[in-house]
Amino acid sequence: MNDISDILRTLLDQLSIASKVDAEFANMLECDDTLKGDYEEWCEANGYDLKTGYKDYIDELIDSRDSIWENLNE
């Protein structure tokens, strides 16, 4: 089983921009039925909507990282 959270974190680290991560992950889902099934399970287990789950998770990651830097700067 693919670790969707890990895949999304890795893509964000590599691509740095949420819109690029969105596009890359959407492309990965289209090309890989196993990944798509794992993503559906991940959404269900974590309470995410299938259409926006990965985008919502990426936004949460970015917010979390921003919060860490804000705390360090204070």
N, C-alpha and C. Protein backbone atom coordinates (compact mmCIF):
# COMPACT_ATOMS: atom_id res chain seq x y z
N MET A 1 0.84 -1.18 0.00
CA MET A 1 0.00 0.00 0.00
C MET A 1 0.88 1.24 0.00
N ASN A 2 0.52 2.18 -0.83
CA ASN A 2 1.23 3.45 -0.91
C ASN A 2 0.89 4.33 0.29
N ASP A 3 1.88 5.00 0.84
CA ASP A 3 1.66 5.96 1.92
C ASP A 3 1.40 7.32 1.29
N ILE A 4 0.14 7.67 1.16
CA ILE A 4 -0.26 8.89 0.46
C ILE A 4 0.31 10.12 1.15
N SER A 5 0.28 10.15 2.47
CA SER A 5 0.82 11.30 3.20
C SER A 5 2.30 11.48 2.87
N ASP A 6 3.05 10.39 2.86
CA ASP A 6 4.48 10.45 2.56
C ASP A 6 4.71 10.91 1.12
N ILE A 7 3.93 10.41 0.19
CA ILE A 7 4.06 10.82 -1.22
C ILE A 7 3.82 12.31 -1.36
N LEU A 8 2.78 12.81 -0.72
CA LEU A 8 2.46 14.24 -0.82
C LEU A 8 3.53 15.11 -0.16
N ARG A 9 4.05 14.68 0.99
CA ARG A 9 5.14 15.43 1.64
C ARG A 9 6.38 15.47 0.75
N THR A 10 6.70 14.33 0.16
CA THR A 10 7.87 14.25 -0.72
C THR A 10 7.70 15.15 -1.94
N LEU A 11 6.52 15.11 -2.55
CA LEU A 11 6.28 15.98 -3.71
C LEU A 11 6.38 17.45 -3.33
N LEU A 12 5.86 17.81 -2.17
CA LEU A 12 5.94 19.21 -1.73
C LEU A 12 7.39 19.61 -1.50
N ASP A 13 8.19 18.72 -0.91
CA ASP A 13 9.61 19.01 -0.70
C ASP A 13 10.33 19.18 -2.03
N GLN A 14 9.99 18.37 -3.01
CA GLN A 14 10.66 18.41 -4.31
C GLN A 14 10.21 19.58 -5.17
N LEU A 15 8.91 19.84 -5.19
CA LEU A 15 8.36 20.82 -6.12
C LEU A 15 8.13 22.20 -5.50
N SER A 16 7.99 22.26 -4.19
CA SER A 16 7.89 23.50 -3.41
C SER A 16 6.64 24.35 -3.63
N ILE A 17 5.91 24.12 -4.68
CA ILE A 17 4.74 24.95 -4.99
C ILE A 17 3.50 24.05 -5.03
N ALA A 18 2.48 24.45 -4.26
CA ALA A 18 1.28 23.63 -4.12
C ALA A 18 0.63 23.30 -5.46
N SER A 19 0.56 24.26 -6.36
CA SER A 19 -0.10 24.01 -7.65
C SER A 19 0.66 22.95 -8.46
N LYS A 20 1.98 22.93 -8.35
CA LYS A 20 2.76 21.90 -9.05
C LYS A 20 2.53 20.53 -8.42
N VAL A 21 2.43 20.50 -7.09
CA VAL A 21 2.15 19.25 -6.40
C VAL A 21 0.78 18.73 -6.81
N ASP A 22 -0.22 19.64 -6.84
CA ASP A 22 -1.57 19.27 -7.27
C ASP A 22 -1.55 18.60 -8.64
N ALA A 23 -0.89 19.25 -9.57
CA ALA A 23 -0.84 18.74 -10.95
C ALA A 23 -0.12 17.41 -11.03
N GLU A 24 1.02 17.29 -10.34
CA GLU A 24 1.80 16.06 -10.40
C GLU A 24 1.04 14.89 -9.76
N PHE A 25 0.42 15.13 -8.60
CA PHE A 25 -0.29 14.05 -7.94
C PHE A 25 -1.53 13.64 -8.74
N ALA A 26 -2.23 14.60 -9.31
CA ALA A 26 -3.39 14.28 -10.15
C ALA A 26 -2.95 13.40 -11.33
N ASN A 27 -1.82 13.73 -11.92
CA ASN A 27 -1.28 12.93 -13.03
C ASN A 27 -0.91 11.52 -12.56
N MET A 28 -0.31 11.43 -11.38
CA MET A 28 0.04 10.12 -10.83
C MET A 28 -1.21 9.27 -10.62
N LEU A 29 -2.28 9.88 -10.12
CA LEU A 29 -3.53 9.15 -9.89
C LEU A 29 -4.12 8.62 -11.20
N GLU A 30 -4.03 9.43 -12.25
CA GLU A 30 -4.57 9.02 -13.55
C GLU A 30 -3.81 7.84 -14.13
N CYS A 31 -2.52 7.75 -13.84
CA CYS A 31 -1.66 6.74 -14.44
C CYS A 31 -1.54 5.45 -13.64
N ASP A 32 -1.99 5.45 -12.39
CA ASP A 32 -1.73 4.30 -11.51
C ASP A 32 -2.99 3.93 -10.74
N ASP A 33 -3.64 2.84 -11.17
CA ASP A 33 -4.88 2.40 -10.53
C ASP A 33 -4.67 1.97 -9.08
N THR A 34 -3.51 1.38 -8.78
CA THR A 34 -3.22 0.98 -7.40
C THR A 34 -3.12 2.20 -6.51
N LEU A 35 -2.41 3.22 -6.98
CA LEU A 35 -2.29 4.46 -6.22
C LEU A 35 -3.66 5.09 -6.03
N LYS A 36 -4.48 5.05 -7.05
CA LYS A 36 -5.82 5.62 -6.97
C LYS A 36 -6.65 4.91 -5.88
N GLY A 37 -6.56 3.60 -5.84
CA GLY A 37 -7.27 2.84 -4.81
C GLY A 37 -6.75 3.15 -3.41
N ASP A 38 -5.43 3.25 -3.30
CA ASP A 38 -4.84 3.61 -2.01
C ASP A 38 -5.24 5.02 -1.59
N TYR A 39 -5.32 5.92 -2.55
CA TYR A 39 -5.75 7.29 -2.27
C TYR A 39 -7.20 7.31 -1.77
N GLU A 40 -8.05 6.53 -2.40
CA GLU A 40 -9.46 6.47 -1.96
C GLU A 40 -9.56 5.96 -0.53
N GLU A 41 -8.77 4.94 -0.19
CA GLU A 41 -8.75 4.42 1.18
C GLU A 41 -8.22 5.47 2.15
N TRP A 42 -7.17 6.17 1.74
CA TRP A 42 -6.57 7.21 2.57
C TRP A 42 -7.57 8.33 2.85
N CYS A 43 -8.29 8.75 1.81
CA CYS A 43 -9.30 9.79 2.00
C CYS A 43 -10.37 9.34 2.99
N GLU A 44 -10.84 8.13 2.82
CA GLU A 44 -11.87 7.60 3.71
C GLU A 44 -11.37 7.51 5.15
N ALA A 45 -10.15 7.03 5.33
CA ALA A 45 -9.58 6.85 6.67
C ALA A 45 -9.31 8.18 7.37
N ASN A 46 -9.03 9.23 6.56
CA ASN A 46 -8.65 10.52 7.14
C ASN A 46 -9.74 11.59 7.03
N GLY A 47 -10.89 11.21 6.49
CA GLY A 47 -12.01 12.14 6.42
C GLY A 47 -11.90 13.19 5.33
N TYR A 48 -11.14 12.89 4.29
CA TYR A 48 -10.99 13.82 3.17
C TYR A 48 -11.95 13.46 2.04
N ASP A 49 -12.35 14.47 1.29
CA ASP A 49 -13.17 14.29 0.09
C ASP A 49 -12.25 13.83 -1.03
N LEU A 50 -12.73 12.93 -1.89
CA LEU A 50 -11.90 12.42 -2.98
C LEU A 50 -11.42 13.51 -3.93
N LYS A 51 -12.28 14.47 -4.21
CA LYS A 51 -11.92 15.51 -5.17
C LYS A 51 -10.87 16.48 -4.63
N THR A 52 -10.93 16.76 -3.35
CA THR A 52 -10.05 17.80 -2.80
C THR A 52 -9.13 17.31 -1.70
N GLY A 53 -9.14 16.03 -1.39
CA GLY A 53 -8.37 15.51 -0.26
C GLY A 53 -6.90 15.83 -0.32
N TYR A 54 -6.26 15.56 -1.45
CA TYR A 54 -4.82 15.81 -1.52
C TYR A 54 -4.52 17.30 -1.50
N LYS A 55 -5.38 18.11 -2.08
CA LYS A 55 -5.18 19.56 -2.03
C LYS A 55 -5.33 20.08 -0.61
N ASP A 56 -6.33 19.58 0.10
CA ASP A 56 -6.54 19.98 1.49
C ASP A 56 -5.35 19.58 2.35
N TYR A 57 -4.83 18.38 2.14
CA TYR A 57 -3.69 17.91 2.91
C TYR A 57 -2.45 18.77 2.62
N ILE A 58 -2.22 19.10 1.37
CA ILE A 58 -1.09 19.95 1.01
C ILE A 58 -1.22 21.32 1.68
N ASP A 59 -2.42 21.89 1.65
CA ASP A 59 -2.65 23.18 2.32
C ASP A 59 -2.35 23.08 3.81
N GLU A 60 -2.75 21.97 4.44
CA GLU A 60 -2.47 21.77 5.86
C GLU A 60 -0.96 21.68 6.11
N LEU A 61 -0.24 20.99 5.23
CA LEU A 61 1.21 20.90 5.37
C LEU A 61 1.86 22.27 5.28
N ILE A 62 1.45 23.04 4.31
CA ILE A 62 2.02 24.38 4.13
C ILE A 62 1.71 25.25 5.33
N ASP A 63 0.48 25.22 5.80
CA ASP A 63 0.10 26.00 6.99
C ASP A 63 0.93 25.59 8.20
N SER A 64 1.14 24.30 8.35
CA SER A 64 1.92 23.78 9.47
C SER A 64 3.37 24.26 9.39
N ARG A 65 3.94 24.20 8.21
CA ARG A 65 5.32 24.66 8.03
C ARG A 65 5.43 26.16 8.25
N ASP A 66 4.46 26.91 7.78
CA ASP A 66 4.46 28.36 8.00
C ASP A 66 4.37 28.67 9.49
N SER A 67 3.55 27.93 10.20
CA SER A 67 3.38 28.12 11.64
C SER A 67 4.68 27.86 12.39
N ILE A 68 5.40 26.84 11.98
CA ILE A 68 6.69 26.53 12.62
C ILE A 68 7.65 27.70 12.45
N TRP A 69 7.74 28.24 11.24
CA TRP A 69 8.66 29.36 10.99
C TRP A 69 8.22 30.61 11.75
N GLU A 70 6.92 30.84 11.83
CA GLU A 70 6.44 32.00 12.57
C GLU A 70 6.80 31.88 14.04
N ASN A 71 6.67 30.68 14.60
CA ASN A 71 7.03 30.46 16.01
C ASN A 71 8.51 30.63 16.25
N LEU A 72 9.32 30.19 15.31
CA LEU A 72 10.77 30.34 15.46
C LEU A 72 11.18 31.80 15.39
N ASN A 73 10.48 32.59 14.59
CA ASN A 73 10.83 34.01 14.43
C ASN A 73 10.39 34.87 15.60
N GLU A 74 9.48 34.35 16.42
CA GLU A 74 8.99 35.12 17.56
C GLU A 74 9.91 35.05 18.68
